[in-house]
Amino acid sequence: MRVSNRNRRGLSVIESVVAAALIVLLAVLVLPAVERARGSAVRNRTQDNMRQIGLGMYAYHAAQNSFPK
C-alpha cells in the first residue's frame, strides 16, 4: 500500500542531512572571503592612520619650522 504525497508532512532524514550539508558547504566557501575582506579593511585602516600621521607632521613642520622632538 502506498502513502499518497498529500498526507506526507515534514522532511525526511535524508532531506535534512542534505540541507545541513549544503549549509556547511556554503559556510566553507564564504568564510575565507570574509576573512580576506576583514584583512583588507585592517590594512586600509592602517594605511589611513599612517597617512594622517604624515599629514600631521607636515602641518606641524609648516607651523613651527621644525619637527616635533
PDB file of N, CA and C in Angstrom:
ATOM      1  N   MET A   1       0.824  -1.169   0.000  1.00  0.00           N
ATOM      2  CA  MET A   1       0.000   0.000   0.000  1.00  0.00           C
ATOM      3  C   MET A   1       0.878   1.245   0.000  1.00  0.00           C
ATOM      4  N   ARG A   2       0.597   2.178  -0.855  1.00  0.00           N
ATOM      5  CA  ARG A   2       1.383   3.394  -0.985  1.00  0.00           C
ATOM      6  C   ARG A   2       0.738   4.529  -0.198  1.00  0.00           C
ATOM      7  N   VAL A   3       1.605   5.389   0.350  1.00  0.00           N
ATOM      8  CA  VAL A   3       1.132   6.581   1.046  1.00  0.00           C
ATOM      9  C   VAL A   3       1.127   7.711   0.026  1.00  0.00           C
ATOM     10  N   SER A   4       0.030   8.404  -0.062  1.00  0.00           N
ATOM     11  CA  SER A   4      -0.042   9.493  -1.025  1.00  0.00           C
ATOM     12  C   SER A   4       0.791  10.677  -0.533  1.00  0.00           C
ATOM     13  N   ASN A   5       1.277  11.491  -1.467  1.00  0.00           N
ATOM     14  CA  ASN A   5       2.110  12.649  -1.136  1.00  0.00           C
ATOM     15  C   ASN A   5       1.331  13.728  -0.388  1.00  0.00           C
ATOM     16  N   ARG A   6       0.021  13.721  -0.523  1.00  0.00           N
ATOM     17  CA  ARG A   6      -0.784  14.740   0.153  1.00  0.00           C
ATOM     18  C   ARG A   6      -0.775  14.569   1.663  1.00  0.00           C
ATOM     19  N   ASN A   7      -0.601  13.361   2.140  1.00  0.00           N
ATOM     20  CA  ASN A   7      -0.615  13.108   3.580  1.00  0.00           C
ATOM     21  C   ASN A   7       0.764  13.242   4.215  1.00  0.00           C
ATOM     22  N   ARG A   8       1.785  13.409   3.409  1.00  0.00           N
ATOM     23  CA  ARG A   8       3.154  13.477   3.908  1.00  0.00           C
ATOM     24  C   ARG A   8       3.434  14.872   4.458  1.00  0.00           C
ATOM     25  N   ARG A   9       4.025  14.951   5.652  1.00  0.00           N
ATOM     26  CA  ARG A   9       4.357  16.233   6.261  1.00  0.00           C
ATOM     27  C   ARG A   9       5.799  16.202   6.741  1.00  0.00           C
ATOM     28  N   GLY A  10       6.459  17.364   6.701  1.00  0.00           N
ATOM     29  CA  GLY A  10       7.823  17.471   7.219  1.00  0.00           C
ATOM     30  C   GLY A  10       8.858  16.966   6.241  1.00  0.00           C
ATOM     31  N   LEU A  11      10.100  16.900   6.737  1.00  0.00           N
ATOM     32  CA  LEU A  11      11.230  16.473   5.929  1.00  0.00           C
ATOM     33  C   LEU A  11      11.695  15.098   6.367  1.00  0.00           C
ATOM     34  N   SER A  12      12.214  14.353   5.399  1.00  0.00           N
ATOM     35  CA  SER A  12      12.792  13.063   5.754  1.00  0.00           C
ATOM     36  C   SER A  12      14.197  13.297   6.307  1.00  0.00           C
ATOM     37  N   VAL A  13      14.785  12.274   6.860  1.00  0.00           N
ATOM     38  CA  VAL A  13      16.125  12.376   7.430  1.00  0.00           C
ATOM     39  C   VAL A  13      17.128  12.714   6.334  1.00  0.00           C
ATOM     40  N   ILE A  14      17.001  12.096   5.182  1.00  0.00           N
ATOM     41  CA  ILE A  14      17.931  12.342   4.078  1.00  0.00           C
ATOM     42  C   ILE A  14      17.826  13.786   3.607  1.00  0.00           C
ATOM     43  N   GLU A  15      16.636  14.308   3.495  1.00  0.00           N
ATOM     44  CA  GLU A  15      16.470  15.703   3.088  1.00  0.00           C
ATOM     45  C   GLU A  15      17.093  16.649   4.103  1.00  0.00           C
ATOM     46  N   SER A  16      16.945  16.345   5.370  1.00  0.00           N
ATOM     47  CA  SER A  16      17.537  17.179   6.426  1.00  0.00           C
ATOM     48  C   SER A  16      19.057  17.142   6.366  1.00  0.00           C
ATOM     49  N   VAL A  17      19.632  15.972   6.142  1.00  0.00           N
ATOM     50  CA  VAL A  17      21.087  15.833   6.061  1.00  0.00           C
ATOM     51  C   VAL A  17      21.620  16.581   4.846  1.00  0.00           C
ATOM     52  N   VAL A  18      20.937  16.477   3.723  1.00  0.00           N
ATOM     53  CA  VAL A  18      21.364  17.185   2.510  1.00  0.00           C
ATOM     54  C   VAL A  18      21.288  18.692   2.729  1.00  0.00           C
ATOM     55  N   ALA A  19      20.244  19.176   3.354  1.00  0.00           N
ATOM     56  CA  ALA A  19      20.116  20.609   3.622  1.00  0.00           C
ATOM     57  C   ALA A  19      21.238  21.083   4.551  1.00  0.00           C
ATOM     58  N   ALA A  20      21.544  20.308   5.591  1.00  0.00           N
ATOM     59  CA  ALA A  20      22.629  20.666   6.502  1.00  0.00           C
ATOM     60  C   ALA A  20      23.968  20.663   5.780  1.00  0.00           C
ATOM     61  N   ALA A  21      24.182  19.688   4.906  1.00  0.00           N
ATOM     62  CA  ALA A  21      25.440  19.616   4.148  1.00  0.00           C
ATOM     63  C   ALA A  21      25.585  20.826   3.227  1.00  0.00           C
ATOM     64  N   LEU A  22      24.508  21.262   2.615  1.00  0.00           N
ATOM     65  CA  LEU A  22      24.567  22.440   1.748  1.00  0.00           C
ATOM     66  C   LEU A  22      24.897  23.700   2.547  1.00  0.00           C
ATOM     67  N   ILE A  23      24.328  23.830   3.713  1.00  0.00           N
ATOM     68  CA  ILE A  23      24.617  24.987   4.561  1.00  0.00           C
ATOM     69  C   ILE A  23      26.082  24.997   4.972  1.00  0.00           C
ATOM     70  N   VAL A  24      26.609  23.832   5.345  1.00  0.00           N
ATOM     71  CA  VAL A  24      28.018  23.737   5.724  1.00  0.00           C
ATOM     72  C   VAL A  24      28.911  24.066   4.537  1.00  0.00           C
ATOM     73  N   LEU A  25      28.575  23.558   3.360  1.00  0.00           N
ATOM     74  CA  LEU A  25      29.361  23.824   2.155  1.00  0.00           C
ATOM     75  C   LEU A  25      29.385  25.316   1.838  1.00  0.00           C
ATOM     76  N   LEU A  26      28.246  25.979   1.934  1.00  0.00           N
ATOM     77  CA  LEU A  26      28.199  27.426   1.696  1.00  0.00           C
ATOM     78  C   LEU A  26      29.033  28.185   2.723  1.00  0.00           C
ATOM     79  N   ALA A  27      28.983  27.767   3.966  1.00  0.00           N
ATOM     80  CA  ALA A  27      29.776  28.426   5.005  1.00  0.00           C
ATOM     81  C   ALA A  27      31.266  28.260   4.730  1.00  0.00           C
ATOM     82  N   VAL A  28      31.666  27.071   4.300  1.00  0.00           N
ATOM     83  CA  VAL A  28      33.076  26.812   3.998  1.00  0.00           C
ATOM     84  C   VAL A  28      33.537  27.686   2.831  1.00  0.00           C
ATOM     85  N   LEU A  29      32.674  27.919   1.871  1.00  0.00           N
ATOM     86  CA  LEU A  29      33.044  28.741   0.722  1.00  0.00           C
ATOM     87  C   LEU A  29      33.057  30.234   1.048  1.00  0.00           C
ATOM     88  N   VAL A  30      32.208  30.682   1.961  1.00  0.00           N
ATOM     89  CA  VAL A  30      32.060  32.103   2.243  1.00  0.00           C
ATOM     90  C   VAL A  30      33.067  32.600   3.285  1.00  0.00           C
ATOM     91  N   LEU A  31      33.412  31.793   4.271  1.00  0.00           N
ATOM     92  CA  LEU A  31      34.260  32.261   5.367  1.00  0.00           C
ATOM     93  C   LEU A  31      35.638  32.756   4.914  1.00  0.00           C
ATOM     94  N   PRO A  32      36.342  32.102   3.993  1.00  0.00           N
ATOM     95  CA  PRO A  32      37.630  32.650   3.559  1.00  0.00           C
ATOM     96  C   PRO A  32      37.497  34.039   2.914  1.00  0.00           C
ATOM     97  N   ALA A  33      36.441  34.261   2.166  1.00  0.00           N
ATOM     98  CA  ALA A  33      36.232  35.572   1.551  1.00  0.00           C
ATOM     99  C   ALA A  33      35.998  36.634   2.619  1.00  0.00           C
ATOM    100  N   VAL A  34      35.277  36.282   3.667  1.00  0.00           N
ATOM    101  CA  VAL A  34      35.029  37.230   4.761  1.00  0.00           C
ATOM    102  C   VAL A  34      36.342  37.571   5.462  1.00  0.00           C
ATOM    103  N   GLU A  35      37.197  36.576   5.684  1.00  0.00           N
ATOM    104  CA  GLU A  35      38.486  36.823   6.332  1.00  0.00           C
ATOM    105  C   GLU A  35      39.386  37.694   5.467  1.00  0.00           C
ATOM    106  N   ARG A  36      39.372  37.481   4.158  1.00  0.00           N
ATOM    107  CA  ARG A  36      40.159  38.334   3.268  1.00  0.00           C
ATOM    108  C   ARG A  36      39.665  39.770   3.320  1.00  0.00           C
ATOM    109  N   ALA A  37      38.361  39.950   3.336  1.00  0.00           N
ATOM    110  CA  ALA A  37      37.795  41.303   3.404  1.00  0.00           C
ATOM    111  C   ALA A  37      38.159  41.967   4.725  1.00  0.00           C
ATOM    112  N   ARG A  38      38.138  41.211   5.804  1.00  0.00           N
ATOM    113  CA  ARG A  38      38.500  41.765   7.112  1.00  0.00           C
ATOM    114  C   ARG A  38      39.970  42.188   7.130  1.00  0.00           C
ATOM    115  N   GLY A  39      40.847  41.345   6.565  1.00  0.00           N
ATOM    116  CA  GLY A  39      42.266  41.692   6.491  1.00  0.00           C
ATOM    117  C   GLY A  39      42.501  42.925   5.642  1.00  0.00           C
ATOM    118  N   SER A  40      41.773  43.041   4.555  1.00  0.00           N
ATOM    119  CA  SER A  40      41.888  44.211   3.692  1.00  0.00           C
ATOM    120  C   SER A  40      41.434  45.469   4.432  1.00  0.00           C
ATOM    121  N   ALA A  41      40.388  45.366   5.216  1.00  0.00           N
ATOM    122  CA  ALA A  41      39.895  46.514   5.976  1.00  0.00           C
ATOM    123  C   ALA A  41      40.927  46.961   7.009  1.00  0.00           C
ATOM    124  N   VAL A  42      41.572  46.009   7.673  1.00  0.00           N
ATOM    125  CA  VAL A  42      42.600  46.351   8.658  1.00  0.00           C
ATOM    126  C   VAL A  42      43.772  47.035   7.971  1.00  0.00           C
ATOM    127  N   ARG A  43      44.186  46.510   6.818  1.00  0.00           N
ATOM    128  CA  ARG A  43      45.295  47.096   6.069  1.00  0.00           C
ATOM    129  C   ARG A  43      44.958  48.528   5.631  1.00  0.00           C
ATOM    130  N   ASN A  44      43.746  48.736   5.144  1.00  0.00           N
ATOM    131  CA  ASN A  44      43.333  50.079   4.724  1.00  0.00           C
ATOM    132  C   ASN A  44      43.299  51.048   5.895  1.00  0.00           C
ATOM    133  N   ARG A  45      42.813  50.583   7.041  1.00  0.00           N
ATOM    134  CA  ARG A  45      42.756  51.447   8.225  1.00  0.00           C
ATOM    135  C   ARG A  45      44.171  51.833   8.659  1.00  0.00           C
ATOM    136  N   THR A  46      45.108  50.883   8.608  1.00  0.00           N
ATOM    137  CA  THR A  46      46.489  51.166   8.984  1.00  0.00           C
ATOM    138  C   THR A  46      47.112  52.178   8.036  1.00  0.00           C
ATOM    139  N   GLN A  47      46.883  52.004   6.739  1.00  0.00           N
ATOM    140  CA  GLN A  47      47.418  52.959   5.765  1.00  0.00           C
ATOM    141  C   GLN A  47      46.834  54.352   5.992  1.00  0.00           C
ATOM    142  N   ASP A  48      45.559  54.427   6.307  1.00  0.00           N
ATOM    143  CA  ASP A  48      44.934  55.729   6.561  1.00  0.00           C
ATOM    144  C   ASP A  48      45.521  56.377   7.809  1.00  0.00           C
ATOM    145  N   ASN A  49      45.770  55.581   8.849  1.00  0.00           N
ATOM    146  CA  ASN A  49      46.373  56.127  10.069  1.00  0.00           C
ATOM    147  C   ASN A  49      47.768  56.669   9.780  1.00  0.00           C
ATOM    148  N   MET A  50      48.551  55.937   8.994  1.00  0.00           N
ATOM    149  CA  MET A  50      49.896  56.404   8.650  1.00  0.00           C
ATOM    150  C   MET A  50      49.826  57.695   7.833  1.00  0.00           C
ATOM    151  N   ARG A  51      48.874  57.779   6.933  1.00  0.00           N
ATOM    152  CA  ARG A  51      48.696  58.994   6.139  1.00  0.00           C
ATOM    153  C   ARG A  51      48.343  60.175   7.042  1.00  0.00           C
ATOM    154  N   GLN A  52      47.471  59.957   8.013  1.00  0.00           N
ATOM    155  CA  GLN A  52      47.086  61.020   8.941  1.00  0.00           C
ATOM    156  C   GLN A  52      48.281  61.479   9.776  1.00  0.00           C
ATOM    157  N   ILE A  53      49.122  60.547  10.203  1.00  0.00           N
ATOM    158  CA  ILE A  53      50.325  60.917  10.967  1.00  0.00           C
ATOM    159  C   ILE A  53      51.241  61.775  10.096  1.00  0.00           C
ATOM    160  N   GLY A  54      51.422  61.370   8.849  1.00  0.00           N
ATOM    161  CA  GLY A  54      52.261  62.142   7.932  1.00  0.00           C
ATOM    162  C   GLY A  54      51.724  63.539   7.707  1.00  0.00           C
ATOM    163  N   LEU A  55      50.415  63.670   7.513  1.00  0.00           N
ATOM    164  CA  LEU A  55      49.818  64.993   7.323  1.00  0.00           C
ATOM    165  C   LEU A  55      49.967  65.857   8.572  1.00  0.00           C
ATOM    166  N   GLY A  56      49.832  65.244   9.729  1.00  0.00           N
ATOM    167  CA  GLY A  56      50.012  65.984  10.980  1.00  0.00           C
ATOM    168  C   GLY A  56      51.441  66.474  11.139  1.00  0.00           C
ATOM    169  N   MET A  57      52.410  65.607  10.778  1.00  0.00           N
ATOM    170  CA  MET A  57      53.815  66.018  10.852  1.00  0.00           C
ATOM    171  C   MET A  57      54.082  67.181   9.887  1.00  0.00           C
ATOM    172  N   TYR A  58      53.520  67.094   8.693  1.00  0.00           N
ATOM    173  CA  TYR A  58      53.701  68.153   7.705  1.00  0.00           C
ATOM    174  C   TYR A  58      53.099  69.470   8.209  1.00  0.00           C
ATOM    175  N   ALA A  59      51.901  69.399   8.774  1.00  0.00           N
ATOM    176  CA  ALA A  59      51.241  70.603   9.276  1.00  0.00           C
ATOM    177  C   ALA A  59      52.040  71.204  10.437  1.00  0.00           C
ATOM    178  N   TYR A  60      52.561  70.358  11.321  1.00  0.00           N
ATOM    179  CA  TYR A  60      53.372  70.850  12.446  1.00  0.00           C
ATOM    180  C   TYR A  60      54.632  71.536  11.920  1.00  0.00           C
ATOM    181  N   HIS A  61      55.290  70.904  10.940  1.00  0.00           N
ATOM    182  CA  HIS A  61      56.506  71.483  10.385  1.00  0.00           C
ATOM    183  C   HIS A  61      56.217  72.818   9.704  1.00  0.00           C
ATOM    184  N   ALA A  62      55.081  72.896   9.003  1.00  0.00           N
ATOM    185  CA  ALA A  62      54.719  74.144   8.335  1.00  0.00           C
ATOM    186  C   ALA A  62      54.457  75.259   9.348  1.00  0.00           C
ATOM    187  N   ALA A  63      53.914  74.925  10.500  1.00  0.00           N
ATOM    188  CA  ALA A  63      53.590  75.934  11.501  1.00  0.00           C
ATOM    189  C   ALA A  63      54.788  76.294  12.377  1.00  0.00           C
ATOM    190  N   GLN A  64      55.651  75.340  12.699  1.00  0.00           N
ATOM    191  CA  GLN A  64      56.732  75.547  13.666  1.00  0.00           C
ATOM    192  C   GLN A  64      58.134  75.611  13.037  1.00  0.00           C
ATOM    193  N   ASN A  65      58.238  75.310  11.747  1.00  0.00           N
ATOM    194  CA  ASN A  65      59.525  75.239  11.041  1.00  0.00           C
ATOM    195  C   ASN A  65      60.487  74.227  11.659  1.00  0.00           C
ATOM    196  N   SER A  66      59.933  73.237  12.308  1.00  0.00           N
ATOM    197  CA  SER A  66      60.742  72.124  12.834  1.00  0.00           C
ATOM    198  C   SER A  66      59.791  70.945  13.071  1.00  0.00           C
ATOM    199  N   PHE A  67      60.399  69.793  13.204  1.00  0.00           N
ATOM    200  CA  PHE A  67      59.602  68.604  13.506  1.00  0.00           C
ATOM    201  C   PHE A  67      59.496  68.433  15.024  1.00  0.00           C
ATOM    202  N   PRO A  68      58.466  67.727  15.488  1.00  0.00           N
ATOM    203  CA  PRO A  68      58.336  67.517  16.942  1.00  0.00           C
ATOM    204  C   PRO A  68      59.527  66.752  17.497  1.00  0.00           C
ATOM    205  N   LYS A  69      59.896  67.062  18.732  1.00  0.00           N
ATOM    206  CA  LYS A  69      61.037  66.384  19.375  1.00  0.00           C
ATOM    207  C   LYS A  69      60.578  65.231  20.201  1.00  0.00           C
TER     208      LYS A  69
END
